[in-house]
Amino acid sequence: MVNLRNGESQDSLLRRFRKKVIKSGVLSTIRNKRWFISKSEQRRMAKKKAIRRIKRKSFEDTE
């Protein structure tokens, strides 16, 4: 819930609301649950994500 502060414009209120929604992870959860994904596919995707994260971290460490 986002309340309008004194003297706050509707644009900044909307910006705060969007940040709060993104931070809570609601949209990503909805996108993930939009289609059924089997357990094996979820594991495969998580493994790929972990590999990308490790590669990215090792690339950042070398710079």
PDB file of N, CA and C in Angstrom:
ATOM      1  N   MET A   1       0.840  -1.175   0.000  1.00  0.00           N
ATOM      2  CA  MET A   1       0.000   0.000   0.000  1.00  0.00           C
ATOM      3  C   MET A   1       0.884   1.237   0.000  1.00  0.00           C
ATOM      4  N   VAL A   2       0.540   2.180  -0.850  1.00  0.00           N
ATOM      5  CA  VAL A   2       1.298   3.415  -0.968  1.00  0.00           C
ATOM      6  C   VAL A   2       0.351   4.575  -0.727  1.00  0.00           C
ATOM      7  N   ASN A   3       0.683   5.401   0.247  1.00  0.00           N
ATOM      8  CA  ASN A   3      -0.155   6.556   0.566  1.00  0.00           C
ATOM      9  C   ASN A   3       0.457   7.822  -0.016  1.00  0.00           C
ATOM     10  N   LEU A   4      -0.397   8.744  -0.416  1.00  0.00           N
ATOM     11  CA  LEU A   4       0.037  10.015  -0.960  1.00  0.00           C
ATOM     12  C   LEU A   4       0.589  10.876   0.167  1.00  0.00           C
ATOM     13  N   ARG A   5       1.809  11.344  -0.007  1.00  0.00           N
ATOM     14  CA  ARG A   5       2.426  12.204   1.004  1.00  0.00           C
ATOM     15  C   ARG A   5       2.027  13.654   0.746  1.00  0.00           C
ATOM     16  N   ASN A   6       2.215  14.500   1.762  1.00  0.00           N
ATOM     17  CA  ASN A   6       1.873  15.921   1.606  1.00  0.00           C
ATOM     18  C   ASN A   6       2.747  16.544   0.525  1.00  0.00           C
ATOM     19  N   GLY A   7       2.108  17.209  -0.429  1.00  0.00           N
ATOM     20  CA  GLY A   7       2.838  17.906  -1.478  1.00  0.00           C
ATOM     21  C   GLY A   7       3.463  16.997  -2.524  1.00  0.00           C
ATOM     22  N   GLU A   8       3.113  15.717  -2.526  1.00  0.00           N
ATOM     23  CA  GLU A   8       3.702  14.771  -3.480  1.00  0.00           C
ATOM     24  C   GLU A   8       2.845  14.721  -4.742  1.00  0.00           C
ATOM     25  N   SER A   9       3.523  14.721  -5.888  1.00  0.00           N
ATOM     26  CA  SER A   9       2.786  14.640  -7.143  1.00  0.00           C
ATOM     27  C   SER A   9       2.363  13.200  -7.402  1.00  0.00           C
ATOM     28  N   GLN A  10       1.398  13.045  -8.288  1.00  0.00           N
ATOM     29  CA  GLN A  10       0.923  11.702  -8.619  1.00  0.00           C
ATOM     30  C   GLN A  10       1.982  10.912  -9.376  1.00  0.00           C
ATOM     31  N   ASP A  11       2.841  11.615 -10.119  1.00  0.00           N
ATOM     32  CA  ASP A  11       3.917  10.930 -10.833  1.00  0.00           C
ATOM     33  C   ASP A  11       4.889  10.263  -9.867  1.00  0.00           C
ATOM     34  N   SER A  12       5.282  10.986  -8.828  1.00  0.00           N
ATOM     35  CA  SER A  12       6.217  10.397  -7.864  1.00  0.00           C
ATOM     36  C   SER A  12       5.543   9.289  -7.049  1.00  0.00           C
ATOM     37  N   LEU A  13       4.244   9.441  -6.796  1.00  0.00           N
ATOM     38  CA  LEU A  13       3.495   8.393  -6.109  1.00  0.00           C
ATOM     39  C   LEU A  13       3.476   7.121  -6.949  1.00  0.00           C
ATOM     40  N   LEU A  14       3.218   7.271  -8.247  1.00  0.00           N
ATOM     41  CA  LEU A  14       3.205   6.128  -9.153  1.00  0.00           C
ATOM     42  C   LEU A  14       4.591   5.492  -9.247  1.00  0.00           C
ATOM     43  N   ARG A  15       5.630   6.308  -9.269  1.00  0.00           N
ATOM     44  CA  ARG A  15       7.006   5.809  -9.318  1.00  0.00           C
ATOM     45  C   ARG A  15       7.323   4.972  -8.070  1.00  0.00           C
ATOM     46  N   ARG A  16       6.920   5.477  -6.878  1.00  0.00           N
ATOM     47  CA  ARG A  16       7.135   4.726  -5.638  1.00  0.00           C
ATOM     48  C   ARG A  16       6.377   3.408  -5.646  1.00  0.00           C
ATOM     49  N   PHE A  17       5.144   3.436  -6.173  1.00  0.00           N
ATOM     50  CA  PHE A  17       4.337   2.220  -6.249  1.00  0.00           C
ATOM     51  C   PHE A  17       5.008   1.185  -7.148  1.00  0.00           C
ATOM     52  N   ARG A  18       5.476   1.601  -8.313  1.00  0.00           N
ATOM     53  CA  ARG A  18       6.133   0.670  -9.236  1.00  0.00           C
ATOM     54  C   ARG A  18       7.384   0.063  -8.616  1.00  0.00           C
ATOM     55  N   LYS A  19       8.173   0.887  -7.933  1.00  0.00           N
ATOM     56  CA  LYS A  19       9.377   0.371  -7.265  1.00  0.00           C
ATOM     57  C   LYS A  19       9.013  -0.663  -6.209  1.00  0.00           C
ATOM     58  N   LYS A  20       7.956  -0.395  -5.461  1.00  0.00           N
ATOM     59  CA  LYS A  20       7.525  -1.310  -4.405  1.00  0.00           C
ATOM     60  C   LYS A  20       7.065  -2.642  -4.992  1.00  0.00           C
ATOM     61  N   VAL A  21       6.330  -2.581  -6.115  1.00  0.00           N
ATOM     62  CA  VAL A  21       5.851  -3.797  -6.769  1.00  0.00           C
ATOM     63  C   VAL A  21       7.025  -4.610  -7.299  1.00  0.00           C
ATOM     64  N   ILE A  22       7.990  -3.944  -7.936  1.00  0.00           N
ATOM     65  CA  ILE A  22       9.161  -4.644  -8.475  1.00  0.00           C
ATOM     66  C   ILE A  22       9.970  -5.279  -7.348  1.00  0.00           C
ATOM     67  N   LYS A  23      10.158  -4.533  -6.274  1.00  0.00           N
ATOM     68  CA  LYS A  23      10.946  -5.046  -5.152  1.00  0.00           C
ATOM     69  C   LYS A  23      10.281  -6.239  -4.483  1.00  0.00           C
ATOM     70  N   SER A  24       8.952  -6.252  -4.444  1.00  0.00           N
ATOM     71  CA  SER A  24       8.247  -7.356  -3.797  1.00  0.00           C
ATOM     72  C   SER A  24       8.304  -8.638  -4.625  1.00  0.00           C
ATOM     73  N   GLY A  25       8.541  -8.513  -5.938  1.00  0.00           N
ATOM     74  CA  GLY A  25       8.666  -9.692  -6.788  1.00  0.00           C
ATOM     75  C   GLY A  25       7.338 -10.253  -7.264  1.00  0.00           C
ATOM     76  N   VAL A  26       6.271  -9.492  -7.135  1.00  0.00           N
ATOM     77  CA  VAL A  26       4.947  -9.966  -7.528  1.00  0.00           C
ATOM     78  C   VAL A  26       4.881 -10.221  -9.027  1.00  0.00           C
ATOM     79  N   LEU A  27       5.389  -9.292  -9.816  1.00  0.00           N
ATOM     80  CA  LEU A  27       5.308  -9.427 -11.275  1.00  0.00           C
ATOM     81  C   LEU A  27       6.093 -10.624 -11.783  1.00  0.00           C
ATOM     82  N   SER A  28       7.289 -10.834 -11.249  1.00  0.00           N
ATOM     83  CA  SER A  28       8.075 -11.973 -11.709  1.00  0.00           C
ATOM     84  C   SER A  28       7.409 -13.293 -11.335  1.00  0.00           C
ATOM     85  N   THR A  29       6.756 -13.343 -10.177  1.00  0.00           N
ATOM     86  CA  THR A  29       6.031 -14.545  -9.780  1.00  0.00           C
ATOM     87  C   THR A  29       4.870 -14.815 -10.724  1.00  0.00           C
ATOM     88  N   ILE A  30       4.147 -13.765 -11.078  1.00  0.00           N
ATOM     89  CA  ILE A  30       3.021 -13.922 -11.999  1.00  0.00           C
ATOM     90  C   ILE A  30       3.511 -14.394 -13.361  1.00  0.00           C
ATOM     91  N   ARG A  31       4.599 -13.811 -13.845  1.00  0.00           N
ATOM     92  CA  ARG A  31       5.135 -14.220 -15.141  1.00  0.00           C
ATOM     93  C   ARG A  31       5.583 -15.682 -15.116  1.00  0.00           C
ATOM     94  N   ASN A  32       6.181 -16.099 -14.033  1.00  0.00           N
ATOM     95  CA  ASN A  32       6.638 -17.482 -13.935  1.00  0.00           C
ATOM     96  C   ASN A  32       5.482 -18.469 -13.848  1.00  0.00           C
ATOM     97  N   LYS A  33       4.395 -18.089 -13.227  1.00  0.00           N
ATOM     98  CA  LYS A  33       3.263 -18.997 -13.060  1.00  0.00           C
ATOM     99  C   LYS A  33       2.275 -18.927 -14.219  1.00  0.00           C
ATOM    100  N   ARG A  34       2.587 -18.132 -15.220  1.00  0.00           N
ATOM    101  CA  ARG A  34       1.675 -17.981 -16.352  1.00  0.00           C
ATOM    102  C   ARG A  34       1.534 -19.279 -17.137  1.00  0.00           C
ATOM    103  N   TRP A  35       2.618 -20.035 -17.237  1.00  0.00           N
ATOM    104  CA  TRP A  35       2.608 -21.319 -17.922  1.00  0.00           C
ATOM    105  C   TRP A  35       3.124 -22.379 -16.974  1.00  0.00           C
ATOM    106  N   PHE A  36       2.673 -23.602 -17.178  1.00  0.00           N
ATOM    107  CA  PHE A  36       3.155 -24.709 -16.360  1.00  0.00           C
ATOM    108  C   PHE A  36       4.563 -25.080 -16.800  1.00  0.00           C
ATOM    109  N   ILE A  37       5.459 -25.201 -15.839  1.00  0.00           N
ATOM    110  CA  ILE A  37       6.835 -25.618 -16.106  1.00  0.00           C
ATOM    111  C   ILE A  37       7.107 -26.820 -15.218  1.00  0.00           C
ATOM    112  N   SER A  38       7.533 -27.924 -15.833  1.00  0.00           N
ATOM    113  CA  SER A  38       7.766 -29.146 -15.079  1.00  0.00           C
ATOM    114  C   SER A  38       8.944 -28.961 -14.122  1.00  0.00           C
ATOM    115  N   LYS A  39       9.032 -29.832 -13.136  1.00  0.00           N
ATOM    116  CA  LYS A  39      10.102 -29.759 -12.144  1.00  0.00           C
ATOM    117  C   LYS A  39      11.467 -29.912 -12.797  1.00  0.00           C
ATOM    118  N   SER A  40      11.561 -30.837 -13.771  1.00  0.00           N
ATOM    119  CA  SER A  40      12.850 -31.044 -14.433  1.00  0.00           C
ATOM    120  C   SER A  40      13.265 -29.798 -15.216  1.00  0.00           C
ATOM    121  N   GLU A  41      12.311 -29.131 -15.844  1.00  0.00           N
ATOM    122  CA  GLU A  41      12.614 -27.902 -16.575  1.00  0.00           C
ATOM    123  C   GLU A  41      13.019 -26.788 -15.613  1.00  0.00           C
ATOM    124  N   GLN A  42      12.375 -26.714 -14.453  1.00  0.00           N
ATOM    125  CA  GLN A  42      12.740 -25.716 -13.448  1.00  0.00           C
ATOM    126  C   GLN A  42      14.164 -25.930 -12.971  1.00  0.00           C
ATOM    127  N   ARG A  43      14.534 -27.201 -12.727  1.00  0.00           N
ATOM    128  CA  ARG A  43      15.911 -27.504 -12.303  1.00  0.00           C
ATOM    129  C   ARG A  43      16.905 -27.130 -13.391  1.00  0.00           C
ATOM    130  N   ARG A  44      16.555 -27.450 -14.639  1.00  0.00           N
ATOM    131  CA  ARG A  44      17.441 -27.134 -15.767  1.00  0.00           C
ATOM    132  C   ARG A  44      17.645 -25.622 -15.890  1.00  0.00           C
ATOM    133  N   MET A  45      16.562 -24.864 -15.751  1.00  0.00           N
ATOM    134  CA  MET A  45      16.652 -23.406 -15.837  1.00  0.00           C
ATOM    135  C   MET A  45      17.458 -22.833 -14.675  1.00  0.00           C
ATOM    136  N   ALA A  46      17.268 -23.377 -13.483  1.00  0.00           N
ATOM    137  CA  ALA A  46      18.015 -22.904 -12.313  1.00  0.00           C
ATOM    138  C   ALA A  46      19.501 -23.192 -12.477  1.00  0.00           C
ATOM    139  N   LYS A  47      19.827 -24.352 -13.043  1.00  0.00           N
ATOM    140  CA  LYS A  47      21.228 -24.706 -13.264  1.00  0.00           C
ATOM    141  C   LYS A  47      21.874 -23.744 -14.265  1.00  0.00           C
ATOM    142  N   LYS A  48      21.166 -23.439 -15.354  1.00  0.00           N
ATOM    143  CA  LYS A  48      21.684 -22.499 -16.346  1.00  0.00           C
ATOM    144  C   LYS A  48      21.879 -21.115 -15.732  1.00  0.00           C
ATOM    145  N   LYS A  49      20.936 -20.714 -14.901  1.00  0.00           N
ATOM    146  CA  LYS A  49      21.021 -19.409 -14.255  1.00  0.00           C
ATOM    147  C   LYS A  49      22.236 -19.349 -13.323  1.00  0.00           C
ATOM    148  N   ALA A  50      22.473 -20.430 -12.590  1.00  0.00           N
ATOM    149  CA  ALA A  50      23.620 -20.484 -11.681  1.00  0.00           C
ATOM    150  C   ALA A  50      24.928 -20.428 -12.461  1.00  0.00           C
ATOM    151  N   ILE A  51      24.988 -21.135 -13.593  1.00  0.00           N
ATOM    152  CA  ILE A  51      26.201 -21.125 -14.416  1.00  0.00           C
ATOM    153  C   ILE A  51      26.463 -19.721 -14.936  1.00  0.00           C
ATOM    154  N   ARG A  52      25.412 -19.040 -15.412  1.00  0.00           N
ATOM    155  CA  ARG A  52      25.579 -17.664 -15.893  1.00  0.00           C
ATOM    156  C   ARG A  52      26.060 -16.754 -14.778  1.00  0.00           C
ATOM    157  N   ARG A  53      25.494 -16.931 -13.576  1.00  0.00           N
ATOM    158  CA  ARG A  53      25.894 -16.106 -12.438  1.00  0.00           C
ATOM    159  C   ARG A  53      27.361 -16.331 -12.086  1.00  0.00           C
ATOM    160  N   ILE A  54      27.813 -17.582 -12.105  1.00  0.00           N
ATOM    161  CA  ILE A  54      29.208 -17.904 -11.793  1.00  0.00           C
ATOM    162  C   ILE A  54      30.138 -17.314 -12.842  1.00  0.00           C
ATOM    163  N   LYS A  55      29.767 -17.458 -14.120  1.00  0.00           N
ATOM    164  CA  LYS A  55      30.595 -16.895 -15.190  1.00  0.00           C
ATOM    165  C   LYS A  55      30.684 -15.381 -15.083  1.00  0.00           C
ATOM    166  N   ARG A  56      29.561 -14.753 -14.800  1.00  0.00           N
ATOM    167  CA  ARG A  56      29.544 -13.305 -14.675  1.00  0.00           C
ATOM    168  C   ARG A  56      30.419 -12.850 -13.515  1.00  0.00           C
ATOM    169  N   LYS A  57      30.348 -13.579 -12.396  1.00  0.00           N
ATOM    170  CA  LYS A  57      31.148 -13.214 -11.232  1.00  0.00           C
ATOM    171  C   LYS A  57      32.634 -13.386 -11.514  1.00  0.00           C
ATOM    172  N   SER A  58      32.987 -14.471 -12.187  1.00  0.00           N
ATOM    173  CA  SER A  58      34.399 -14.689 -12.492  1.00  0.00           C
ATOM    174  C   SER A  58      34.900 -13.665 -13.495  1.00  0.00           C
ATOM    175  N   PHE A  59      34.031 -13.212 -14.408  1.00  0.00           N
ATOM    176  CA  PHE A  59      34.411 -12.195 -15.376  1.00  0.00           C
ATOM    177  C   PHE A  59      34.636 -10.863 -14.679  1.00  0.00           C
ATOM    178  N   GLU A  60      33.790 -10.530 -13.696  1.00  0.00           N
ATOM    179  CA  GLU A  60      33.937  -9.280 -12.962  1.00  0.00           C
ATOM    180  C   GLU A  60      35.180  -9.305 -12.079  1.00  0.00           C
ATOM    181  N   ASP A  61      35.541 -10.455 -11.553  1.00  0.00           N
ATOM    182  CA  ASP A  61      36.715 -10.558 -10.693  1.00  0.00           C
ATOM    183  C   ASP A  61      38.011 -10.361 -11.469  1.00  0.00           C
ATOM    184  N   THR A  62      38.032 -10.758 -12.747  1.00  0.00           N
ATOM    185  CA  THR A  62      39.255 -10.642 -13.527  1.00  0.00           C
ATOM    186  C   THR A  62      39.539  -9.216 -13.958  1.00  0.00           C
ATOM    187  N   GLU A  63      38.509  -8.355 -13.957  1.00  0.00           N
ATOM    188  CA  GLU A  63      38.725  -6.976 -14.399  1.00  0.00           C
ATOM    189  C   GLU A  63      39.323  -6.119 -13.333  1.00  0.00           C
TER     190      GLU A  63
END
